[in-house]
PDB file of N, CA and C in Angstrom:
ATOM      1  N   UNK A   1      31.505 126.050  17.767  1.00  0.00           N
ATOM      2  CA  UNK A   1      30.639 125.179  16.655  1.00  0.00           C
ATOM      3  C   UNK A   1      31.011 126.029  15.095  1.00  0.00           C
ATOM      4  N   UNK A   2      31.361 124.776  14.830  1.00  0.00           N
ATOM      5  CA  UNK A   2      31.359 125.353  12.580  1.00  0.00           C
ATOM      6  C   UNK A   2      30.938 124.139  12.005  1.00  0.00           C
ATOM      7  N   UNK A   3      29.700 124.069  11.945  1.00  0.00           N
ATOM      8  CA  UNK A   3      28.952 123.219  11.255  1.00  0.00           C
ATOM      9  C   UNK A   3      29.201 123.527   9.437  1.00  0.00           C
ATOM     10  N   UNK A   4      30.011 123.764   8.546  1.00  0.00           N
ATOM     11  CA  UNK A   4      30.280 123.143   7.079  1.00  0.00           C
ATOM     12  C   UNK A   4      28.422 122.658   6.912  1.00  0.00           C
ATOM     13  N   UNK A   5      27.593 123.932   6.082  1.00  0.00           N
ATOM     14  CA  UNK A   5      26.044 123.034   5.428  1.00  0.00           C
ATOM     15  C   UNK A   5      26.603 122.553   4.097  1.00  0.00           C
ATOM     16  N   UNK A   6      25.680 121.724   3.313  1.00  0.00           N
ATOM     17  CA  UNK A   6      25.979 121.165   2.452  1.00  0.00           C
ATOM     18  C   UNK A   6      25.825 122.513   1.510  1.00  0.00           C
ATOM     19  N   UNK A   7      25.760 123.451   2.306  1.00  0.00           N
ATOM     20  CA  UNK A   7      25.480 125.054   0.375  1.00  0.00           C
ATOM     21  C   UNK A   7      26.540 125.514   0.569  1.00  0.00           C
ATOM     22  N   UNK A   8      27.935 125.137   2.011  1.00  0.00           N
ATOM     23  CA  UNK A   8      28.857 126.463   2.266  1.00  0.00           C
ATOM     24  C   UNK A   8      28.929 126.059   3.145  1.00  0.00           C
ATOM     25  N   UNK A   9      29.580 127.479   4.219  1.00  0.00           N
ATOM     26  CA  UNK A   9      30.076 127.321   5.597  1.00  0.00           C
ATOM     27  C   UNK A   9      29.346 128.852   6.705  1.00  0.00           C
ATOM     28  N   UNK A  10      28.595 127.718   7.799  1.00  0.00           N
ATOM     29  CA  UNK A  10      27.962 128.894   8.216  1.00  0.00           C
ATOM     30  C   UNK A  10      28.413 130.432   8.433  1.00  0.00           C
ATOM     31  N   UNK A  11      29.605 130.300   8.843  1.00  0.00           N
ATOM     32  CA  UNK A  11      31.071 131.271   8.714  1.00  0.00           C
ATOM     33  C   UNK A  11      30.864 131.920  10.848  1.00  0.00           C
ATOM     34  N   UNK A  12      31.132 130.375  10.738  1.00  0.00           N
ATOM     35  CA  UNK A  12      31.608 130.335  12.797  1.00  0.00           C
ATOM     36  C   UNK A  12      29.844 130.670  13.943  1.00  0.00           C
ATOM     37  N   UNK A  13      29.102 130.605  12.663  1.00  0.00           N
ATOM     38  CA  UNK A  13      27.219 131.512  13.760  1.00  0.00           C
ATOM     39  C   UNK A  13      26.830 130.223  14.293  1.00  0.00           C
ATOM     40  N   UNK A  14      26.548 130.585  15.033  1.00  0.00           N
ATOM     41  CA  UNK A  14      25.909 129.530  15.971  1.00  0.00           C
ATOM     42  C   UNK A  14      24.475 129.640  15.809  1.00  0.00           C
ATOM     43  N   UNK A  15      24.848 129.062  14.864  1.00  0.00           N
ATOM     44  CA  UNK A  15      22.596 128.640  14.780  1.00  0.00           C
ATOM     45  C   UNK A  15      21.936 127.663  15.987  1.00  0.00           C
ATOM     46  N   UNK A  16      21.046 128.406  16.620  1.00  0.00           N
ATOM     47  CA  UNK A  16      21.159 127.807  18.150  1.00  0.00           C
ATOM     48  C   UNK A  16      20.114 126.046  17.601  1.00  0.00           C
ATOM     49  N   UNK A  17      18.708 126.739  16.790  1.00  0.00           N
ATOM     50  CA  UNK A  17      17.862 125.611  16.338  1.00  0.00           C
ATOM     51  C   UNK A  17      18.720 124.664  15.771  1.00  0.00           C
ATOM     52  N   UNK A  18      19.430 124.435  14.883  1.00  0.00           N
ATOM     53  CA  UNK A  18      20.654 123.475  14.663  1.00  0.00           C
ATOM     54  C   UNK A  18      20.258 122.593  15.454  1.00  0.00           C
ATOM     55  N   UNK A  19      21.811 123.473  16.157  1.00  0.00           N
ATOM     56  CA  UNK A  19      22.225 122.576  17.436  1.00  0.00           C
ATOM     57  C   UNK A  19      21.084 121.369  18.167  1.00  0.00           C
ATOM     58  N   UNK A  20      20.122 122.615  18.202  1.00  0.00           N
ATOM     59  CA  UNK A  20      19.076 121.993  18.962  1.00  0.00           C
ATOM     60  C   UNK A  20      18.432 120.650  18.109  1.00  0.00           C
ATOM     61  N   UNK A  21      18.501 120.624  16.781  1.00  0.00           N
ATOM     62  CA  UNK A  21      17.633 119.967  15.945  1.00  0.00           C
ATOM     63  C   UNK A  21      19.226 118.270  16.124  1.00  0.00           C
ATOM     64  N   UNK A  22      20.306 118.598  15.690  1.00  0.00           N
ATOM     65  CA  UNK A  22      20.912 117.786  15.670  1.00  0.00           C
ATOM     66  C   UNK A  22      21.408 117.081  17.478  1.00  0.00           C
ATOM     67  N   UNK A  23      20.470 117.626  18.319  1.00  0.00           N
ATOM     68  CA  UNK A  23      21.452 116.958  18.966  1.00  0.00           C
ATOM     69  C   UNK A  23      19.284 116.408  19.509  1.00  0.00           C
ATOM     70  N   UNK A  24      18.483 116.517  18.471  1.00  0.00           N
ATOM     71  CA  UNK A  24      17.699 116.239  19.414  1.00  0.00           C
ATOM     72  C   UNK A  24      16.837 114.046  18.473  1.00  0.00           C
ATOM     73  N   UNK A  25      17.106 115.198  17.657  1.00  0.00           N
ATOM     74  CA  UNK A  25      17.312 114.101  16.702  1.00  0.00           C
ATOM     75  C   UNK A  25      17.198 112.401  17.295  1.00  0.00           C
ATOM     76  N   UNK A  26      18.940 112.274  17.169  1.00  0.00           N
ATOM     77  CA  UNK A  26      19.240 111.214  18.238  1.00  0.00           C
ATOM     78  C   UNK A  26      18.328 110.667  19.159  1.00  0.00           C
ATOM     79  N   UNK A  27      17.455 110.918  19.706  1.00  0.00           N
ATOM     80  CA  UNK A  27      16.907 110.939  20.873  1.00  0.00           C
ATOM     81  C   UNK A  27      14.972 110.513  20.110  1.00  0.00           C
ATOM     82  N   UNK A  28      14.646 111.034  19.657  1.00  0.00           N
ATOM     83  CA  UNK A  28      14.019 110.811  18.360  1.00  0.00           C
ATOM     84  C   UNK A  28      13.683 109.526  17.957  1.00  0.00           C
ATOM     85  N   UNK A  29      15.301 108.415  17.669  1.00  0.00           N
ATOM     86  CA  UNK A  29      15.148 107.979  16.670  1.00  0.00           C
ATOM     87  C   UNK A  29      15.775 108.299  15.031  1.00  0.00           C
ATOM     88  N   UNK A  30      16.222 109.296  14.874  1.00  0.00           N
ATOM     89  CA  UNK A  30      15.450 109.586  13.530  1.00  0.00           C
ATOM     90  C   UNK A  30      17.353 109.581  13.299  1.00  0.00           C
ATOM     91  N   UNK A  31      17.410 110.035  11.442  1.00  0.00           N
ATOM     92  CA  UNK A  31      18.659 109.677  11.301  1.00  0.00           C
ATOM     93  C   UNK A  31      19.768 111.605  11.761  1.00  0.00           C
ATOM     94  N   UNK A  32      21.058 111.257  11.452  1.00  0.00           N
ATOM     95  CA  UNK A  32      21.526 113.400  11.006  1.00  0.00           C
ATOM     96  C   UNK A  32      21.816 113.078  10.522  1.00  0.00           C
ATOM     97  N   UNK A  33      21.353 114.681  10.390  1.00  0.00           N
ATOM     98  CA  UNK A  33      22.089 115.267   9.388  1.00  0.00           C
ATOM     99  C   UNK A  33      23.107 115.226   8.326  1.00  0.00           C
ATOM    100  N   UNK A  34      23.782 115.804   7.875  1.00  0.00           N
ATOM    101  CA  UNK A  34      24.035 116.184   6.606  1.00  0.00           C
ATOM    102  C   UNK A  34      25.255 116.915   6.842  1.00  0.00           C
ATOM    103  N   UNK A  35      24.455 117.509   8.326  1.00  0.00           N
ATOM    104  CA  UNK A  35      26.500 118.758   8.585  1.00  0.00           C
ATOM    105  C   UNK A  35      27.169 117.326   9.186  1.00  0.00           C
ATOM    106  N   UNK A  36      28.215 117.489   9.521  1.00  0.00           N
ATOM    107  CA  UNK A  36      29.639 117.234  10.716  1.00  0.00           C
ATOM    108  C   UNK A  36      30.163 117.855  11.287  1.00  0.00           C
ATOM    109  N   UNK A  37      31.152 117.982  12.548  1.00  0.00           N
ATOM    110  CA  UNK A  37      31.401 118.281  13.725  1.00  0.00           C
ATOM    111  C   UNK A  37      32.637 118.717  12.338  1.00  0.00           C
ATOM    112  N   UNK A  38      33.845 119.493  12.574  1.00  0.00           N
ATOM    113  CA  UNK A  38      34.741 120.535  11.820  1.00  0.00           C
ATOM    114  C   UNK A  38      36.071 119.075  12.562  1.00  0.00           C
ATOM    115  N   UNK A  39      35.631 119.856  13.312  1.00  0.00           N
ATOM    116  CA  UNK A  39      36.652 119.766  14.509  1.00  0.00           C
ATOM    117  C   UNK A  39      37.135 118.270  15.618  1.00  0.00           C
ATOM    118  N   UNK A  40      37.640 117.357  15.662  1.00  0.00           N
ATOM    119  CA  UNK A  40      37.884 116.804  16.623  1.00  0.00           C
ATOM    120  C   UNK A  40      37.245 116.088  17.392  1.00  0.00           C
ATOM    121  N   UNK A  41      37.268 117.074  18.787  1.00  0.00           N
ATOM    122  CA  UNK A  41      36.843 117.342  20.134  1.00  0.00           C
ATOM    123  C   UNK A  41      35.936 116.937  19.955  1.00  0.00           C
ATOM    124  N   UNK A  42      34.963 117.647  18.854  1.00  0.00           N
ATOM    125  CA  UNK A  42      33.393 117.637  18.312  1.00  0.00           C
ATOM    126  C   UNK A  42      33.097 116.793  17.804  1.00  0.00           C
ATOM    127  N   UNK A  43      33.720 115.713  17.102  1.00  0.00           N
ATOM    128  CA  UNK A  43      33.598 114.907  17.365  1.00  0.00           C
ATOM    129  C   UNK A  43      33.830 113.849  18.079  1.00  0.00           C
ATOM    130  N   UNK A  44      34.413 113.648  18.962  1.00  0.00           N
ATOM    131  CA  UNK A  44      34.134 112.841  19.336  1.00  0.00           C
ATOM    132  C   UNK A  44      33.255 112.899  20.624  1.00  0.00           C
ATOM    133  N   UNK A  45      32.377 113.926  21.086  1.00  0.00           N
ATOM    134  CA  UNK A  45      31.257 114.358  21.853  1.00  0.00           C
ATOM    135  C   UNK A  45      30.542 113.543  21.291  1.00  0.00           C
ATOM    136  N   UNK A  46      30.439 114.126  19.268  1.00  0.00           N
ATOM    137  CA  UNK A  46      29.272 113.095  18.431  1.00  0.00           C
ATOM    138  C   UNK A  46      29.000 112.091  19.047  1.00  0.00           C
ATOM    139  N   UNK A  47      30.314 111.152  19.130  1.00  0.00           N
ATOM    140  CA  UNK A  47      30.375 109.967  19.144  1.00  0.00           C
ATOM    141  C   UNK A  47      29.720 109.387  20.945  1.00  0.00           C
ATOM    142  N   UNK A  48      30.425 110.359  21.449  1.00  0.00           N
ATOM    143  CA  UNK A  48      29.450 109.996  23.290  1.00  0.00           C
ATOM    144  C   UNK A  48      28.561 109.937  22.760  1.00  0.00           C
ATOM    145  N   UNK A  49      27.625 111.402  22.744  1.00  0.00           N
ATOM    146  CA  UNK A  49      25.587 111.460  22.325  1.00  0.00           C
ATOM    147  C   UNK A  49      25.236 110.444  21.362  1.00  0.00           C
ATOM    148  N   UNK A  50      26.097 109.492  20.820  1.00  0.00           N
ATOM    149  CA  UNK A  50      25.769 108.866  19.896  1.00  0.00           C
ATOM    150  C   UNK A  50      24.845 107.341  20.394  1.00  0.00           C
ATOM    151  N   UNK A  51      26.222 106.882  21.651  1.00  0.00           N
ATOM    152  CA  UNK A  51      26.267 106.380  22.444  1.00  0.00           C
ATOM    153  C   UNK A  51      25.404 106.241  23.351  1.00  0.00           C
ATOM    154  N   UNK A  52      25.069 106.989  23.835  1.00  0.00           N
ATOM    155  CA  UNK A  52      24.298 107.493  25.827  1.00  0.00           C
ATOM    156  C   UNK A  52      22.850 107.531  24.569  1.00  0.00           C
ATOM    157  N   UNK A  53      22.466 108.407  24.258  1.00  0.00           N
ATOM    158  CA  UNK A  53      21.322 108.524  22.989  1.00  0.00           C
ATOM    159  C   UNK A  53      20.498 106.642  22.194  1.00  0.00           C
ATOM    160  N   UNK A  54      22.224 106.143  21.996  1.00  0.00           N
ATOM    161  CA  UNK A  54      21.566 105.052  21.634  1.00  0.00           C
ATOM    162  C   UNK A  54      20.997 103.690  23.035  1.00  0.00           C
ATOM    163  N   UNK A  55      22.000 103.751  23.775  1.00  0.00           N
ATOM    164  CA  UNK A  55      21.636 103.403  25.255  1.00  0.00           C
ATOM    165  C   UNK A  55      20.062 103.721  25.660  1.00  0.00           C
ATOM    166  N   UNK A  56      20.093 104.808  26.154  1.00  0.00           N
ATOM    167  CA  UNK A  56      18.448 105.904  26.654  1.00  0.00           C
ATOM    168  C   UNK A  56      17.584 104.886  26.349  1.00  0.00           C
ATOM    169  N   UNK A  57      17.811 105.556  24.559  1.00  0.00           N
ATOM    170  CA  UNK A  57      16.481 104.706  23.455  1.00  0.00           C
ATOM    171  C   UNK A  57      16.129 103.152  23.605  1.00  0.00           C
ATOM    172  N   UNK A  58      17.324 102.379  23.387  1.00  0.00           N
ATOM    173  CA  UNK A  58      16.962 101.010  23.861  1.00  0.00           C
ATOM    174  C   UNK A  58      16.547 100.846  25.200  1.00  0.00           C
ATOM    175  N   UNK A  59      17.487 101.467  25.804  1.00  0.00           N
ATOM    176  CA  UNK A  59      16.275 101.049  27.046  1.00  0.00           C
ATOM    177  C   UNK A  59      14.709 101.097  27.375  1.00  0.00           C
ATOM    178  N   UNK A  60      14.460 102.550  26.877  1.00  0.00           N
ATOM    179  CA  UNK A  60      13.088 103.415  27.269  1.00  0.00           C
ATOM    180  C   UNK A  60      11.980 102.331  25.969  1.00  0.00           C
ATOM    181  N   UNK A  61      11.950 102.000  24.953  1.00  0.00           N
ATOM    182  CA  UNK A  61      11.853 101.150  24.181  1.00  0.00           C
ATOM    183  C   UNK A  61      11.860  99.771  24.188  1.00  0.00           C
ATOM    184  N   UNK A  62      12.551  99.571  25.148  1.00  0.00           N
ATOM    185  CA  UNK A  62      12.478  97.424  26.008  1.00  0.00           C
ATOM    186  C   UNK A  62      11.648  97.858  26.940  1.00  0.00           C
ATOM    187  N   UNK A  63      12.178  99.113  28.408  1.00  0.00           N
ATOM    188  CA  UNK A  63      10.700  99.033  29.081  1.00  0.00           C
ATOM    189  C   UNK A  63       9.380  98.896  29.163  1.00  0.00           C
ATOM    190  N   UNK A  64       9.386  99.638  27.853  1.00  0.00           N
ATOM    191  CA  UNK A  64       7.621 100.072  27.307  1.00  0.00           C
ATOM    192  C   UNK A  64       6.783  98.828  26.768  1.00  0.00           C
ATOM    193  N   UNK A  65       7.936  97.774  25.843  1.00  0.00           N
ATOM    194  CA  UNK A  65       7.228  97.060  25.273  1.00  0.00           C
ATOM    195  C   UNK A  65       6.683  96.404  26.561  1.00  0.00           C
ATOM    196  N   UNK A  66       8.202  95.607  26.646  1.00  0.00           N
ATOM    197  CA  UNK A  66       8.093  95.299  28.547  1.00  0.00           C
ATOM    198  C   UNK A  66       6.449  95.687  29.260  1.00  0.00           C
ATOM    199  N   UNK A  67       5.855  96.920  29.197  1.00  0.00           N
ATOM    200  CA  UNK A  67       4.927  97.499  29.817  1.00  0.00           C
ATOM    201  C   UNK A  67       3.885  96.860  29.214  1.00  0.00           C
ATOM    202  N   UNK A  68       3.581  97.694  28.860  1.00  0.00           N
ATOM    203  CA  UNK A  68       2.672  96.990  27.140  1.00  0.00           C
ATOM    204  C   UNK A  68       2.217  95.157  26.379  1.00  0.00           C
ATOM    205  N   UNK A  69       3.097  94.891  26.899  1.00  0.00           N
ATOM    206  CA  UNK A  69       2.634  92.959  26.458  1.00  0.00           C
ATOM    207  C   UNK A  69       2.713  92.196  27.335  1.00  0.00           C
ATOM    208  N   UNK A  70       2.519  92.997  28.711  1.00  0.00           N
ATOM    209  CA  UNK A  70       3.513  91.979  29.907  1.00  0.00           C
ATOM    210  C   UNK A  70       2.081  92.926  30.968  1.00  0.00           C
ATOM    211  N   UNK A  71       0.872  91.620  31.457  1.00  0.00           N
ATOM    212  CA  UNK A  71      -0.903  92.224  31.618  1.00  0.00           C
ATOM    213  C   UNK A  71      -0.184  92.040  32.915  1.00  0.00           C
ATOM    214  N   UNK A  72      -0.594  92.733  34.110  1.00  0.00           N
ATOM    215  CA  UNK A  72      -0.987  93.149  35.022  1.00  0.00           C
ATOM    216  C   UNK A  72      -1.710  92.508  35.685  1.00  0.00           C
ATOM    217  N   UNK A  73      -1.997  91.070  35.844  1.00  0.00           N
ATOM    218  CA  UNK A  73      -3.260  90.817  36.806  1.00  0.00           C
ATOM    219  C   UNK A  73      -3.553  90.639  38.407  1.00  0.00           C
ATOM    220  N   UNK A  74      -4.712  90.673  39.130  1.00  0.00           N
ATOM    221  CA  UNK A  74      -4.570  90.801  40.586  1.00  0.00           C
ATOM    222  C   UNK A  74      -3.871  89.318  40.414  1.00  0.00           C
ATOM    223  N   UNK A  75      -3.066  88.801  42.104  1.00  0.00           N
ATOM    224  CA  UNK A  75      -3.340  87.525  42.455  1.00  0.00           C
ATOM    225  C   UNK A  75      -4.195  86.425  42.777  1.00  0.00           C
ATOM    226  N   UNK A  76      -4.368  85.434  42.448  1.00  0.00           N
ATOM    227  CA  UNK A  76      -6.066  84.599  42.391  1.00  0.00           C
ATOM    228  C   UNK A  76      -5.819  84.456  43.461  1.00  0.00           C
ATOM    229  N   UNK A  77      -6.943  83.371  44.005  1.00  0.00           N
ATOM    230  CA  UNK A  77      -6.713  83.166  45.022  1.00  0.00           C
ATOM    231  C   UNK A  77      -6.867  81.667  44.438  1.00  0.00           C
ATOM    232  N   UNK A  78      -5.546  80.765  45.940  1.00  0.00           N
ATOM    233  CA  UNK A  78      -5.603  79.314  45.284  1.00  0.00           C
ATOM    234  C   UNK A  78      -6.556  78.757  46.203  1.00  0.00           C
ATOM    235  N   UNK A  79      -6.880  78.970  47.260  1.00  0.00           N
ATOM    236  CA  UNK A  79      -7.598  78.328  47.872  1.00  0.00           C
ATOM    237  C   UNK A  79      -8.895  78.925  48.958  1.00  0.00           C
ATOM    238  N   UNK A  80      -9.470  77.965  49.841  1.00  0.00           N
ATOM    239  CA  UNK A  80     -10.732  78.929  49.701  1.00  0.00           C
ATOM    240  C   UNK A  80     -10.781  79.548  50.772  1.00  0.00           C
ATOM    241  N   UNK A  81      -9.467  79.421  51.640  1.00  0.00           N
ATOM    242  CA  UNK A  81      -9.000  80.236  52.667  1.00  0.00           C
ATOM    243  C   UNK A  81      -8.733  81.590  52.399  1.00  0.00           C
ATOM    244  N   UNK A  82      -8.323  82.100  51.071  1.00  0.00           N
ATOM    245  CA  UNK A  82      -7.824  82.211  50.867  1.00  0.00           C
ATOM    246  C   UNK A  82      -9.135  83.879  49.314  1.00  0.00           C
ATOM    247  N   UNK A  83     -10.249  82.644  49.634  1.00  0.00           N
ATOM    248  CA  UNK A  83     -10.931  83.608  48.329  1.00  0.00           C
ATOM    249  C   UNK A  83     -11.603  83.353  49.131  1.00  0.00           C
ATOM    250  N   UNK A  84     -11.854  83.698  50.598  1.00  0.00           N
ATOM    251  CA  UNK A  84     -13.139  84.298  51.748  1.00  0.00           C
ATOM    252  C   UNK A  84     -12.368  85.835  51.948  1.00  0.00           C
ATOM    253  N   UNK A  85     -10.923  85.780  52.882  1.00  0.00           N
ATOM    254  CA  UNK A  85     -10.046  86.901  52.885  1.00  0.00           C
ATOM    255  C   UNK A  85     -10.328  87.719  51.272  1.00  0.00           C
ATOM    256  N   UNK A  86     -10.365  87.618  50.485  1.00  0.00           N
ATOM    257  CA  UNK A  86     -10.715  88.520  49.523  1.00  0.00           C
ATOM    258  C   UNK A  86     -12.333  89.296  49.240  1.00  0.00           C
ATOM    259  N   UNK A  87     -12.808  88.475  49.817  1.00  0.00           N
ATOM    260  CA  UNK A  87     -14.345  88.232  50.027  1.00  0.00           C
ATOM    261  C   UNK A  87     -14.886  88.435  48.010  1.00  0.00           C
ATOM    262  N   UNK A  88     -14.566  87.318  47.939  1.00  0.00           N
ATOM    263  CA  UNK A  88     -15.349  85.868  46.537  1.00  0.00           C
ATOM    264  C   UNK A  88     -16.599  85.111  47.420  1.00  0.00           C
ATOM    265  N   UNK A  89     -16.424  85.550  48.101  1.00  0.00           N
ATOM    266  CA  UNK A  89     -17.819  84.314  48.378  1.00  0.00           C
ATOM    267  C   UNK A  89     -18.186  84.678  49.882  1.00  0.00           C
TER     268      UNK A  89
END
């Protein structure tokens, strides 16, 4: 993996911290860094990863919103028999 930086080239060195940052940032909804892959195969992998994180992030946020906004109340007793069975009387 060769990520050219803003100040130059990394000379083919793998910097695991930068790679981990580029992988985790889309999961947290952060913008991508200015370092872009140089090869076509890595760009395709990046696009697949970004689509995956977009789908997973959207599903997680929508489920979290639904969980926090829809209250879970116990079923109300509607008849006298159901009130007796619940123990309300």
